[in-house]
Every structure is written in structure tokens, then in C-alpha cells.
Amino acid sequence: MRTNADSFAILESALNAANAAGASEADAVFESTDQNISRFANSNLHQNMSEVSAELTLRVIVDDAMGVASTTVFDAGEIARTAALAREAAKHSDALQNFSGLYRANEPLPEVRTFDDATAAIAPAAKARALREMFDRGSKFNIQFAGAYGTGASSIAVANSHGIRRYCTVTSSDATVIAIGANGSGYATALDRANVDVVTLGDEATFKATLCKDTIEDIEPGAYDVILEPPATAEVVDWMNLITLSGSAYDDGSSFFVNNIGKQVVGTNFTLADDALDPDFLPFPFDLEGLPKRRVALIERGIVRTPAVDKVYADRLGFAPTATCWNLGGTEHGSAFHLSIDGGDATREELIRSTKHGIWVTRFNYVNGLLEPKTALMTGTTRDGTFLIRDGEVVARLPNLRWTQSIVEAFSRIEGLTRERRRVATWYNHFGGTIAPVLKIGGWNFTGKQSAV
């Protein structure tokens, strides 16, 4: 991490270089990260890697066109070269449509807690001891573990030529645990600003790997009621970030939001928001254009409200900015990095008991969300714990199943949501993730199976 003073000194140098290069406006982001990841397989810690990195990204506006360049070297000469590259990129770019300029309102930031001292200070040896305890507990059930356990601390600073200055430090911890038994596997994951409990995750994954381990059945392809755990739902809404929620998806017409703003398109019990202010989620105070974060309903009680747009596409499309820029000049032009699905009033056990004949899904894998974006038609497989429910009880393990499903249709058939919600990480998103309840959905379309459990 870098201090406030160090970060802003680099940003000031970048803005001065942009001005010298002929930019009418400019903004810049400086990120510095200290992170550690412990990878394990066959219940052995086989890799422990620490990295200290930093990057400066500079965006310039020249004749209403935009250019972006980045560097990991921060001396005056390199920053000047970066500004020249951004200026050259702008010269070869089209003018931005209806652009009213970079952010300048400078509203106060929300007060949120983003940093945990204990997580920032955790040593790799402490993580190794926790993993050793998890391995030992699993061995009692003939379970071996694979996965990863990461921790990190970052500083993020934002500045622009209109006097916007933002700075924040943030910690994160996430772990993914796969438990592998003789007849099946289980999965558990967690994400937090504080250190996650990897031993508890191991117990959860072991439970899934050993549940109904001696009772394996088959099903015919068809539509089944499903109980989706948060990792499964997170995989689906993460694809929606690409094909539905972004400014570029709305602009190119591929999103099902197009011509549906203010209309109900899914069930009234489904609300999806970008929410970086929820203290139970992953709080963060601003986006990378410097706009203060706020809760933004994307779909509210089934009604489409707004795509996620950066300042450029807010102006282009006529929406209010949603403070969802996480990549200066990125082609997505807005991305919901704090996806939050409202919970309901049930427990997971109640959803299972209410199911006459259905399937309980731990997570999805190999998902392709590009089949038909206008209906969010996707295909994928289940993995690491797929179970048959009969008469309200979990009675057997199932093979990994192939499915093909319109998510618009699925979210129109939600029959229940749990009060409890879980946080799930996304590989490219170190600012947030997804928080989701367990969902019960009627009539999910399963089309086939894999031979292995």
C-alpha cells in the first residue's frame, strides 16, 4: 500500500503531464496492493505467493475524444510518456457523444468501514496453520482438499483536473475450498473485509462431499424445481454484468433492459442492486471516476430501473451516473461490482422441505452466458454437490448435470428466498463481489448429465 501523500504526489504528476500533453481534462487512478495467496491440493499446501504491485492509469480528454494509458513505473519521464500515449490514443478515437465533461460535483463520500487491521497483518504461517487444521479435520472423513486462500490490503487514490481527490485503504480475504471424497465432492467459499474462517469452510465442503455418499441416483432431462446456493446464483448474475447490466450492453441493444426501463420483466420478489454501502457486504466509498457510492437498484421488485453506467455512457444514454466505473476507458462503460440480491424470509431447510421433487445445486461451472443475451439464455453444468430432493428430503447424490435456461424466465419463477445471504468473490473484481440468498426457482431446465459425480 501507498500513503495518501505518496499516492496523490503520483497523481498530481500524472495530471500535470496530461495538461502539458494538451489534454483539456484528465483523471487518473493509482492503486497499490500487497497480497498473499496460499494454494493447496491433495490436502497439502503447495504454493504460497506474496506480491506487492502498483499501477497508474491516466485518461485524457482531447477535442471531446478519450485516450487511456497505464504504467507501473512512476518517475517523471515515464509518466510523461504515459500521458503522450494517452494523448495519441485520443487523437485516433471518435468524439464522445453528448459528453458534458469529467465529474466535478465533489459531493461528500459516505462513511464506510473498509479496512481490517488484523487481516492486513495476517502472516502466511497463520494461514498455513488454519489450513493444516482443516486438512486434519477432513482426514477423519477420508476427505482431501483443494483450493486457494487469499488475503490482501490495497490503497486506491483517484484524482482529476477539476479538483476531485479521493483516497481509501481496503482489505479483503477470500477462500475457495473443494472437498474430494470417494463418491463425490463438496464446495464452500467466503469473502469478507475481515479474515475468513477457512476451517468452517472446510467443514461445510466436507458435509457436501459426504452427504448421501452411498446413495447415487439418476434423473431424466426435464424441468425441475431447484434450490440454488449463492455460488450458483453469483455465477449467473456475474454473466448478467456482462450481457445485461453494463452501459455497453444497453447501448448495443443486446441487454434485455433495452425498451424495458420502468417495466416489470421478472418476479416481484426479485431485487438486484449495486450496493457498496451495506456494512454486511463489502463497503467501498467511491468509484474510479471519484463519484460517491450509493445503493442503485438495477431491478427493483421485478421492475427494470437502470443499467450500470460510467460518466461517459450516462451522458451518451441519458441516464443518471450510477458510480459504477471500475476501469477508466473500459469497453463495458459501467459495471456493477457490488451485486446485491435482496433476501426473503425463509431458511434453506424450509425451501428444501417445501420441494416435492427437485434438485439442490451447490454451484455452477463452465457457464456460457452468450447464447441469447436478450433473454439471458445460458448453459452450464452443476458441480461439487448436486442432490435429489424427494418429498421435502435430500435423498441422493446426482451426477453433474447440464442445463440450459433463460435467466429472465427463471427469475420470474422464484418461489422463495432465504433471509441469510452469503458473499461470493469474482476473479476479476477486487473491490466487491456478489451477495445473494439461497433461491428456490420453479422449472429449471436440465438437458443432460456427466458420467462422474
Protein backbone atom coordinates (compact mmCIF):
# COMPACT_ATOMS: atom_id res chain seq x y z
CA MET A 1 0.00 0.00 0.00
CA ARG A 2 0.98 3.62 -0.51
CA THR A 3 0.17 6.53 1.77
CA ASN A 4 -2.25 9.28 0.94
CA ALA A 5 0.65 11.69 0.32
CA ASP A 6 2.61 9.28 -1.90
CA SER A 7 -0.47 8.40 -3.94
CA PHE A 8 -1.51 11.98 -4.59
CA ALA A 9 2.04 13.01 -5.48
CA ILE A 10 2.00 10.44 -8.30
CA LEU A 11 -1.49 11.52 -9.39
CA GLU A 12 -0.52 15.20 -9.42
CA SER A 13 2.45 14.36 -11.62
CA ALA A 14 0.14 12.47 -14.00
CA LEU A 15 -2.40 15.32 -14.22
CA ASN A 16 0.39 17.85 -14.83
CA ALA A 17 1.78 15.64 -17.59
CA ALA A 18 -1.68 15.35 -19.16
CA ASN A 19 -2.03 19.12 -19.16
CA ALA A 20 1.41 19.51 -20.72
CA ALA A 21 0.40 17.00 -23.41
CA GLY A 22 -2.54 19.18 -24.41
CA ALA A 23 -5.45 17.48 -22.61
CA SER A 24 -8.45 19.68 -21.83
CA GLU A 25 -9.41 17.34 -18.99
CA ALA A 26 -7.85 14.34 -17.32
CA ASP A 27 -8.40 11.89 -14.50
CA ALA A 28 -6.18 9.23 -13.03
CA VAL A 29 -6.24 6.25 -10.68
CA PHE A 30 -3.33 4.95 -8.62
CA GLU A 31 -3.70 1.53 -6.99
CA SER A 32 -1.17 -0.20 -4.77
CA THR A 33 -1.71 -3.72 -3.44
CA ASP A 34 0.04 -6.09 -1.04
CA GLN A 35 -1.44 -9.58 -1.38
CA ASN A 36 -0.76 -13.17 -0.45
CA ILE A 37 -2.33 -16.36 -1.78
CA SER A 38 -1.96 -19.89 -0.44
CA ARG A 39 -2.89 -22.65 -2.89
CA PHE A 40 -3.45 -26.24 -1.83
CA ALA A 41 -4.24 -29.64 -3.37
CA ASN A 42 -4.41 -33.20 -2.04
CA SER A 43 -4.59 -31.62 1.44
CA ASN A 44 -1.11 -30.15 1.02
CA LEU A 45 -0.12 -26.51 0.84
CA HIS A 46 1.86 -26.46 -2.41
CA GLN A 47 2.23 -22.75 -3.17
CA ASN A 48 2.47 -19.63 -1.06
CA MET A 49 2.95 -16.45 -3.06
CA SER A 50 3.15 -12.80 -1.98
CA GLU A 51 3.13 -9.84 -4.35
CA VAL A 52 3.47 -6.10 -3.99
CA SER A 53 2.23 -4.22 -7.05
CA ALA A 54 1.14 -0.75 -8.13
CA GLU A 55 -0.33 0.75 -11.28
CA LEU A 56 -1.16 4.21 -12.55
CA THR A 57 -3.92 4.66 -15.15
CA LEU A 58 -4.31 8.04 -16.86
CA ARG A 59 -7.26 9.11 -19.00
CA VAL A 60 -7.16 12.30 -21.09
CA ILE A 61 -9.86 14.17 -22.98
CA VAL A 62 -8.73 15.93 -26.13
CA ASP A 63 -11.25 17.56 -28.51
CA ASP A 64 -14.04 15.56 -26.79
CA ALA A 65 -12.23 12.28 -27.53
CA MET A 66 -10.81 9.95 -24.89
CA GLY A 67 -7.45 8.22 -24.60
CA VAL A 68 -6.15 5.95 -21.83
CA ALA A 69 -2.71 4.61 -20.92
CA SER A 70 -1.23 2.81 -17.90
CA THR A 71 2.19 2.29 -16.35
CA THR A 72 3.84 0.56 -13.42
CA VAL A 73 6.82 2.94 -13.40
CA PHE A 74 6.30 6.30 -11.70
CA ASP A 75 9.28 8.55 -12.44
CA ALA A 76 8.60 11.85 -14.21
CA GLY A 77 9.86 10.64 -17.59
CA GLU A 78 7.70 7.53 -17.65
CA ILE A 79 4.61 9.44 -16.53
CA ALA A 80 5.21 11.96 -19.34
CA ARG A 81 5.47 9.07 -21.83
CA THR A 82 2.22 7.63 -20.45
CA ALA A 83 0.48 10.98 -20.94
CA ALA A 84 1.77 11.16 -24.50
CA LEU A 85 0.45 7.65 -25.21
CA ALA A 86 -2.96 8.60 -23.83
CA ARG A 87 -2.92 11.78 -25.92
CA GLU A 88 -2.08 9.77 -29.04
CA ALA A 89 -4.90 7.30 -28.31
CA ALA A 90 -7.35 10.19 -28.01
CA LYS A 91 -6.23 11.55 -31.40
CA HIS A 92 -7.33 8.27 -33.00
CA SER A 93 -10.65 7.97 -31.13
CA ASP A 94 -14.10 9.23 -32.06
CA ALA A 95 -15.61 12.16 -30.20
CA LEU A 96 -17.71 11.15 -27.19
CA GLN A 97 -21.44 11.59 -27.76
CA ASN A 98 -23.20 14.21 -25.59
CA PHE A 99 -20.23 14.27 -23.21
CA SER A 100 -20.55 17.02 -20.59
CA GLY A 101 -17.12 16.55 -19.08
CA LEU A 102 -15.49 14.60 -16.27
CA TYR A 103 -17.02 14.50 -12.81
CA ARG A 104 -16.69 17.77 -10.88
CA ALA A 105 -19.52 17.94 -8.29
CA ASN A 106 -17.28 16.68 -5.46
CA GLU A 107 -20.09 15.55 -3.13
CA PRO A 108 -19.06 14.18 0.27
CA LEU A 109 -18.25 10.49 0.49
CA PRO A 110 -20.27 8.01 2.57
CA GLU A 111 -18.61 6.86 5.76
CA VAL A 112 -17.96 3.12 5.46
CA ARG A 113 -15.53 0.72 7.12
CA THR A 114 -13.22 -0.79 4.54
CA PHE A 115 -10.08 -1.83 6.44
CA ASP A 116 -9.39 -4.57 8.98
CA ASP A 117 -6.01 -4.32 10.69
CA ALA A 118 -5.85 -8.00 11.62
CA THR A 119 -6.45 -9.08 8.03
CA ALA A 120 -3.78 -6.71 6.73
CA ALA A 121 -1.28 -8.12 9.25
CA ILE A 122 -2.01 -11.86 8.94
CA ALA A 123 1.13 -13.85 8.26
CA PRO A 124 1.36 -16.72 5.76
CA ALA A 125 2.30 -19.04 8.65
CA ALA A 126 -1.01 -18.28 10.39
CA LYS A 127 -2.87 -19.14 7.21
CA ALA A 128 -0.88 -22.36 6.90
CA ARG A 129 -1.83 -23.37 10.45
CA ALA A 130 -5.52 -22.81 9.70
CA LEU A 131 -5.23 -24.91 6.55
CA ARG A 132 -3.46 -27.66 8.49
CA GLU A 133 -6.38 -27.78 10.93
CA MET A 134 -8.81 -28.00 8.02
CA PHE A 135 -6.80 -30.83 6.43
CA ASP A 136 -6.73 -32.78 9.70
CA ARG A 137 -10.47 -32.43 10.22
CA GLY A 138 -11.16 -33.62 6.70
CA SER A 139 -8.92 -36.64 7.02
CA LYS A 140 -11.32 -38.07 9.63
CA PHE A 141 -13.86 -38.41 6.80
CA ASN A 142 -11.34 -39.56 4.17
CA ILE A 143 -11.56 -36.16 2.52
CA GLN A 144 -8.80 -34.35 0.67
CA PHE A 145 -8.96 -30.65 -0.04
CA ALA A 146 -8.05 -28.38 -2.94
CA GLY A 147 -8.47 -24.64 -3.34
CA ALA A 148 -7.00 -21.26 -2.50
CA TYR A 149 -6.95 -18.84 0.43
CA GLY A 150 -6.08 -15.21 -0.26
CA THR A 151 -5.63 -12.04 1.77
CA GLY A 152 -4.69 -8.54 0.71
CA ALA A 153 -4.52 -4.85 1.54
CA SER A 154 -4.74 -2.06 -1.02
CA SER A 155 -4.73 1.70 -1.32
CA ILE A 156 -6.79 3.34 -4.05
CA ALA A 157 -6.45 7.01 -4.98
CA VAL A 158 -8.39 8.95 -7.61
CA ALA A 159 -7.85 12.50 -8.89
CA ASN A 160 -8.96 14.65 -11.80
CA SER A 161 -8.29 18.06 -13.27
CA HIS A 162 -11.42 19.52 -11.64
CA GLY A 163 -10.04 19.11 -8.13
CA ILE A 164 -11.55 15.73 -7.27
CA ARG A 165 -9.34 13.87 -4.79
CA ARG A 166 -10.31 10.51 -3.28
CA TYR A 167 -8.30 8.03 -1.21
CA CYS A 168 -9.19 4.80 0.56
CA THR A 169 -7.46 1.77 2.03
CA VAL A 170 -9.18 -1.59 1.86
CA THR A 171 -8.60 -5.17 2.98
CA SER A 172 -10.05 -8.39 1.63
CA SER A 173 -9.93 -12.09 2.37
CA ASP A 174 -11.43 -14.91 0.32
CA ALA A 175 -11.17 -18.65 0.19
CA THR A 176 -12.47 -21.39 -2.08
CA VAL A 177 -12.48 -24.93 -0.72
CA ILE A 178 -13.24 -28.14 -2.64
CA ALA A 179 -13.59 -31.31 -0.56
CA ILE A 180 -12.96 -34.52 -2.52
CA GLY A 181 -14.25 -37.85 -1.30
CA ALA A 182 -14.53 -41.33 -2.78
CA ASN A 183 -18.03 -40.82 -4.19
CA GLY A 184 -18.33 -37.09 -4.65
CA SER A 185 -17.10 -33.61 -3.92
CA GLY A 186 -18.29 -30.58 -1.98
CA TYR A 187 -17.65 -26.87 -2.19
CA ALA A 188 -17.64 -23.81 0.04
CA THR A 189 -16.48 -20.24 -0.42
CA ALA A 190 -16.40 -16.98 1.51
CA LEU A 191 -15.37 -13.37 1.02
CA ASP A 192 -15.00 -10.58 3.58
CA ARG A 193 -13.16 -7.42 4.52
CA ALA A 194 -12.02 -9.37 7.61
CA ASN A 195 -10.24 -12.71 7.55
CA VAL A 196 -12.47 -15.61 6.51
CA ASP A 197 -12.80 -18.79 8.60
CA VAL A 198 -11.25 -21.39 6.33
CA VAL A 199 -11.74 -24.20 8.88
CA THR A 200 -15.51 -23.64 8.88
CA LEU A 201 -15.47 -23.62 5.08
CA GLY A 202 -13.70 -26.97 5.16
CA ASP A 203 -16.42 -28.40 7.39
CA GLU A 204 -19.11 -27.08 5.03
CA ALA A 205 -17.43 -28.56 1.97
CA THR A 206 -16.92 -31.88 3.80
CA PHE A 207 -20.63 -32.00 4.62
CA LYS A 208 -21.49 -31.61 0.94
CA ALA A 209 -18.88 -34.21 -0.12
CA THR A 210 -20.16 -36.86 2.30
CA LEU A 211 -23.91 -36.20 2.12
CA CYS A 212 -25.72 -39.22 0.64
CA LYS A 213 -22.31 -40.59 -0.40
CA ASP A 214 -23.63 -44.15 -0.65
CA THR A 215 -26.86 -43.25 -2.46
CA ILE A 216 -26.37 -42.12 -6.04
CA GLU A 217 -29.29 -41.82 -8.42
CA ASP A 218 -30.01 -40.56 -11.92
CA ILE A 219 -32.68 -38.31 -13.41
CA GLU A 220 -34.14 -37.83 -16.84
CA PRO A 221 -33.71 -34.50 -18.60
CA GLY A 222 -36.54 -32.06 -17.92
CA ALA A 223 -37.71 -29.10 -15.87
CA TYR A 224 -37.16 -29.42 -12.11
CA ASP A 225 -37.59 -27.13 -9.15
CA VAL A 226 -34.12 -26.07 -7.98
CA ILE A 227 -32.58 -24.82 -4.77
CA LEU A 228 -29.63 -22.64 -5.81
CA GLU A 229 -26.89 -21.85 -3.31
CA PRO A 230 -25.30 -18.36 -3.51
CA PRO A 231 -22.24 -19.50 -5.54
CA ALA A 232 -24.56 -20.80 -8.28
CA THR A 233 -26.63 -17.62 -8.38
CA ALA A 234 -23.48 -15.47 -8.29
CA GLU A 235 -22.16 -17.19 -11.42
CA VAL A 236 -25.37 -16.31 -13.26
CA VAL A 237 -25.59 -12.66 -12.19
CA ASP A 238 -21.89 -12.21 -12.92
CA TRP A 239 -22.64 -13.13 -16.53
CA MET A 240 -25.54 -10.66 -16.41
CA ASN A 241 -22.99 -7.97 -15.54
CA LEU A 242 -21.53 -8.53 -19.00
CA ILE A 243 -24.60 -9.15 -21.15
CA THR A 244 -27.31 -7.16 -19.34
CA LEU A 245 -26.23 -4.61 -16.76
CA SER A 246 -23.39 -2.69 -18.41
CA GLY A 247 -23.70 0.56 -20.32
CA SER A 248 -22.22 -1.02 -23.44
CA ALA A 249 -24.76 -3.89 -23.39
CA TYR A 250 -27.56 -1.35 -23.21
CA ASP A 251 -26.04 0.79 -25.95
CA ASP A 252 -25.53 -2.06 -28.41
CA GLY A 253 -29.07 -3.35 -27.85
CA SER A 254 -28.13 -6.79 -26.54
CA SER A 255 -29.39 -6.21 -22.97
CA PHE A 256 -32.95 -7.17 -22.06
CA PHE A 257 -33.09 -3.81 -20.28
CA VAL A 258 -33.50 -2.10 -23.66
CA ASN A 259 -37.09 -0.80 -24.10
CA ASN A 260 -37.93 -2.18 -20.64
CA ILE A 261 -36.94 0.66 -18.30
CA GLY A 262 -39.80 1.05 -15.82
CA LYS A 263 -41.40 -2.24 -16.87
CA GLN A 264 -41.73 -5.45 -14.89
CA VAL A 265 -39.72 -8.21 -16.56
CA VAL A 266 -39.11 -10.69 -13.70
CA GLY A 267 -40.88 -11.65 -10.49
CA THR A 268 -41.87 -9.06 -7.90
CA ASN A 269 -39.82 -10.90 -5.27
CA PHE A 270 -36.55 -10.22 -7.11
CA THR A 271 -34.47 -7.09 -6.45
CA LEU A 272 -30.92 -6.70 -7.76
CA ALA A 273 -28.91 -3.64 -6.72
CA ASP A 274 -25.39 -2.31 -6.82
CA ASP A 275 -24.79 -1.70 -3.11
CA ALA A 276 -21.34 -0.77 -1.80
CA LEU A 277 -22.77 0.79 1.38
CA ASP A 278 -24.19 -2.33 3.06
CA PRO A 279 -21.96 -2.99 6.10
CA ASP A 280 -22.72 -6.72 5.80
CA PHE A 281 -21.36 -6.77 2.26
CA LEU A 282 -18.08 -5.23 1.02
CA PRO A 283 -18.27 -1.47 1.63
CA PHE A 284 -16.39 0.97 -0.56
CA PRO A 285 -16.92 4.77 -0.72
CA PHE A 286 -16.33 5.81 -4.37
CA ASP A 287 -15.86 4.54 -7.91
CA LEU A 288 -12.78 5.19 -10.03
CA GLU A 289 -14.19 8.39 -11.50
CA GLY A 290 -14.50 9.73 -7.96
CA LEU A 291 -18.29 9.58 -7.68
CA PRO A 292 -19.63 8.73 -4.21
CA LYS A 293 -21.07 5.24 -3.99
CA ARG A 294 -24.78 4.83 -3.26
CA ARG A 295 -27.23 1.97 -3.43
CA VAL A 296 -28.54 1.78 -7.01
CA ALA A 297 -31.48 -0.50 -7.77
CA LEU A 298 -30.91 -2.15 -11.17
CA ILE A 299 -34.02 -4.34 -10.96
CA GLU A 300 -36.44 -3.40 -8.19
CA ARG A 301 -39.22 -5.83 -7.27
CA GLY A 302 -39.06 -7.14 -10.82
CA ILE A 303 -39.03 -3.71 -12.50
CA VAL A 304 -36.04 -2.63 -14.61
CA ARG A 305 -34.64 0.66 -13.28
CA THR A 306 -31.26 1.45 -14.87
CA PRO A 307 -28.13 -0.10 -16.35
CA ALA A 308 -24.81 0.47 -14.62
CA VAL A 309 -23.17 3.40 -16.43
CA ASP A 310 -19.99 5.39 -16.09
CA LYS A 311 -19.99 9.16 -16.65
CA VAL A 312 -19.29 8.81 -20.38
CA TYR A 313 -22.24 6.50 -21.03
CA ALA A 314 -24.52 8.26 -18.56
CA ASP A 315 -24.17 11.30 -20.83
CA ARG A 316 -24.40 9.23 -24.02
CA LEU A 317 -27.54 7.30 -22.98
CA GLY A 318 -29.28 9.94 -20.87
CA PHE A 319 -29.14 8.11 -17.53
CA ALA A 320 -28.03 9.44 -14.17
CA PRO A 321 -24.46 8.26 -13.38
CA THR A 322 -24.53 5.17 -11.15
CA ALA A 323 -20.98 5.44 -9.74
CA THR A 324 -20.00 2.13 -11.33
CA CYS A 325 -16.82 2.95 -13.25
CA TRP A 326 -14.10 0.44 -12.33
CA ASN A 327 -11.96 0.72 -15.43
CA LEU A 328 -11.12 4.15 -16.88
CA GLY A 329 -11.99 3.96 -20.55
CA GLY A 330 -13.10 0.33 -20.26
CA THR A 331 -15.32 -1.03 -23.02
CA GLU A 332 -18.06 -2.05 -20.57
CA HIS A 333 -18.71 1.62 -19.61
CA GLY A 334 -20.15 0.71 -16.23
CA SER A 335 -20.10 -2.49 -14.24
CA ALA A 336 -21.92 -3.42 -11.03
CA PHE A 337 -19.08 -4.57 -8.78
CA HIS A 338 -21.26 -4.83 -5.65
CA LEU A 339 -24.13 -7.03 -6.83
CA SER A 340 -26.70 -7.46 -4.08
CA ILE A 341 -29.82 -9.64 -4.28
CA ASP A 342 -32.40 -8.90 -1.60
CA GLY A 343 -33.21 -11.78 0.72
CA GLY A 344 -36.59 -13.20 1.69
CA ASP A 345 -37.99 -14.72 4.86
CA ALA A 346 -37.21 -18.45 4.54
CA THR A 347 -34.42 -20.75 5.65
CA ARG A 348 -32.66 -23.16 3.33
CA GLU A 349 -34.16 -26.07 5.21
CA GLU A 350 -37.67 -24.64 4.72
CA LEU A 351 -37.08 -24.30 0.98
CA ILE A 352 -35.93 -27.92 0.80
CA ARG A 353 -38.90 -29.15 2.84
CA SER A 354 -41.29 -27.30 0.51
CA THR A 355 -39.92 -29.13 -2.55
CA LYS A 356 -41.80 -32.21 -3.75
CA HIS A 357 -39.37 -33.25 -6.47
CA GLY A 358 -36.35 -31.10 -7.16
CA ILE A 359 -32.61 -30.58 -7.28
CA TRP A 360 -30.32 -28.84 -4.79
CA VAL A 361 -27.36 -27.17 -6.54
CA THR A 362 -24.16 -26.07 -4.80
CA ARG A 363 -22.56 -24.24 -7.71
CA PHE A 364 -22.37 -23.95 -11.48
CA ASN A 365 -19.38 -24.47 -13.76
CA TYR A 366 -18.50 -23.95 -17.44
CA VAL A 367 -21.25 -21.39 -17.83
CA ASN A 368 -21.75 -19.76 -21.24
CA GLY A 369 -23.93 -16.68 -20.95
CA LEU A 370 -23.77 -15.62 -24.59
CA LEU A 371 -26.39 -17.93 -26.12
CA GLU A 372 -29.11 -15.27 -26.31
CA PRO A 373 -28.46 -12.12 -24.27
CA LYS A 374 -31.94 -10.66 -24.90
CA THR A 375 -33.42 -13.35 -22.64
CA ALA A 376 -30.19 -14.05 -20.72
CA LEU A 377 -30.25 -17.60 -22.08
CA MET A 378 -27.31 -19.50 -20.60
CA THR A 379 -25.95 -23.01 -20.39
CA GLY A 380 -23.64 -24.67 -17.90
CA THR A 381 -23.17 -27.62 -15.56
CA THR A 382 -23.62 -28.24 -11.87
CA ARG A 383 -20.60 -29.21 -9.79
CA ASP A 384 -19.32 -30.19 -6.33
CA GLY A 385 -22.59 -31.21 -4.76
CA THR A 386 -25.81 -31.82 -6.72
CA PHE A 387 -28.58 -33.57 -4.80
CA LEU A 388 -32.03 -35.02 -5.42
CA ILE A 389 -34.89 -33.79 -3.25
CA ARG A 390 -37.93 -36.02 -2.90
CA ASP A 391 -40.92 -35.22 -0.69
CA GLY A 392 -39.05 -32.47 1.10
CA GLU A 393 -35.94 -34.53 1.91
CA VAL A 394 -32.49 -34.80 0.38
CA VAL A 395 -32.38 -38.46 -0.65
CA ALA A 396 -29.48 -38.97 -3.10
CA ARG A 397 -26.48 -37.53 -4.88
CA LEU A 398 -26.80 -36.81 -8.59
CA PRO A 399 -24.20 -36.63 -11.35
CA ASN A 400 -23.11 -33.21 -12.53
CA LEU A 401 -25.97 -32.03 -14.72
CA ARG A 402 -26.04 -29.92 -17.89
CA TRP A 403 -28.63 -27.15 -18.02
CA THR A 404 -29.87 -24.54 -20.50
CA GLN A 405 -32.06 -21.80 -19.05
CA SER A 406 -33.32 -18.28 -19.71
CA ILE A 407 -32.46 -16.33 -16.56
CA VAL A 408 -35.26 -13.85 -17.30
CA GLU A 409 -37.71 -16.75 -17.15
CA ALA A 410 -36.03 -18.26 -14.10
CA PHE A 411 -36.13 -15.02 -12.11
CA SER A 412 -39.84 -14.82 -12.98
CA ARG A 413 -40.39 -18.14 -11.20
CA ILE A 414 -38.67 -17.55 -7.85
CA GLU A 415 -40.72 -19.35 -5.20
CA GLY A 416 -38.64 -18.47 -2.15
CA LEU A 417 -35.52 -16.72 -0.87
CA THR A 418 -33.66 -17.11 2.40
CA ARG A 419 -33.09 -14.39 4.95
CA GLU A 420 -29.42 -15.34 5.20
CA ARG A 421 -27.20 -14.16 2.38
CA ARG A 422 -23.62 -15.11 1.53
CA ARG A 423 -20.80 -13.18 -0.13
CA VAL A 424 -19.14 -14.69 -3.20
CA ALA A 425 -15.94 -13.44 -4.88
CA THR A 426 -15.44 -12.75 -8.57
CA TRP A 427 -11.98 -13.41 -10.01
CA TYR A 428 -11.60 -10.03 -11.73
CA ASN A 429 -13.24 -7.88 -9.05
CA HIS A 430 -11.09 -6.97 -6.05
CA PHE A 431 -13.43 -4.17 -4.95
CA GLY A 432 -16.57 -6.24 -4.30
CA GLY A 433 -18.40 -9.37 -5.42
CA THR A 434 -21.92 -10.73 -5.07
CA ILE A 435 -24.11 -11.18 -2.02
CA ALA A 436 -27.08 -13.49 -2.53
CA PRO A 437 -29.60 -15.61 -0.65
CA VAL A 438 -30.44 -19.22 -1.38
CA LEU A 439 -33.12 -19.23 -4.11
CA LYS A 440 -35.88 -21.69 -4.92
CA ILE A 441 -36.85 -21.50 -8.59
CA GLY A 442 -39.55 -23.48 -10.34
CA GLY A 443 -38.94 -25.32 -13.59
CA TRP A 444 -35.18 -25.07 -14.22
CA ASN A 445 -34.34 -26.86 -17.48
CA PHE A 446 -31.83 -29.72 -17.21
CA THR A 447 -30.77 -31.17 -20.53
CA GLY A 448 -28.28 -33.93 -19.72
CA LYS A 449 -25.62 -35.20 -17.35
CA GLN A 450 -21.96 -36.02 -16.95
CA SER A 451 -20.81 -39.52 -16.12
CA ALA A 452 -18.85 -38.53 -13.00
CA VAL A 453 -20.43 -37.37 -9.72
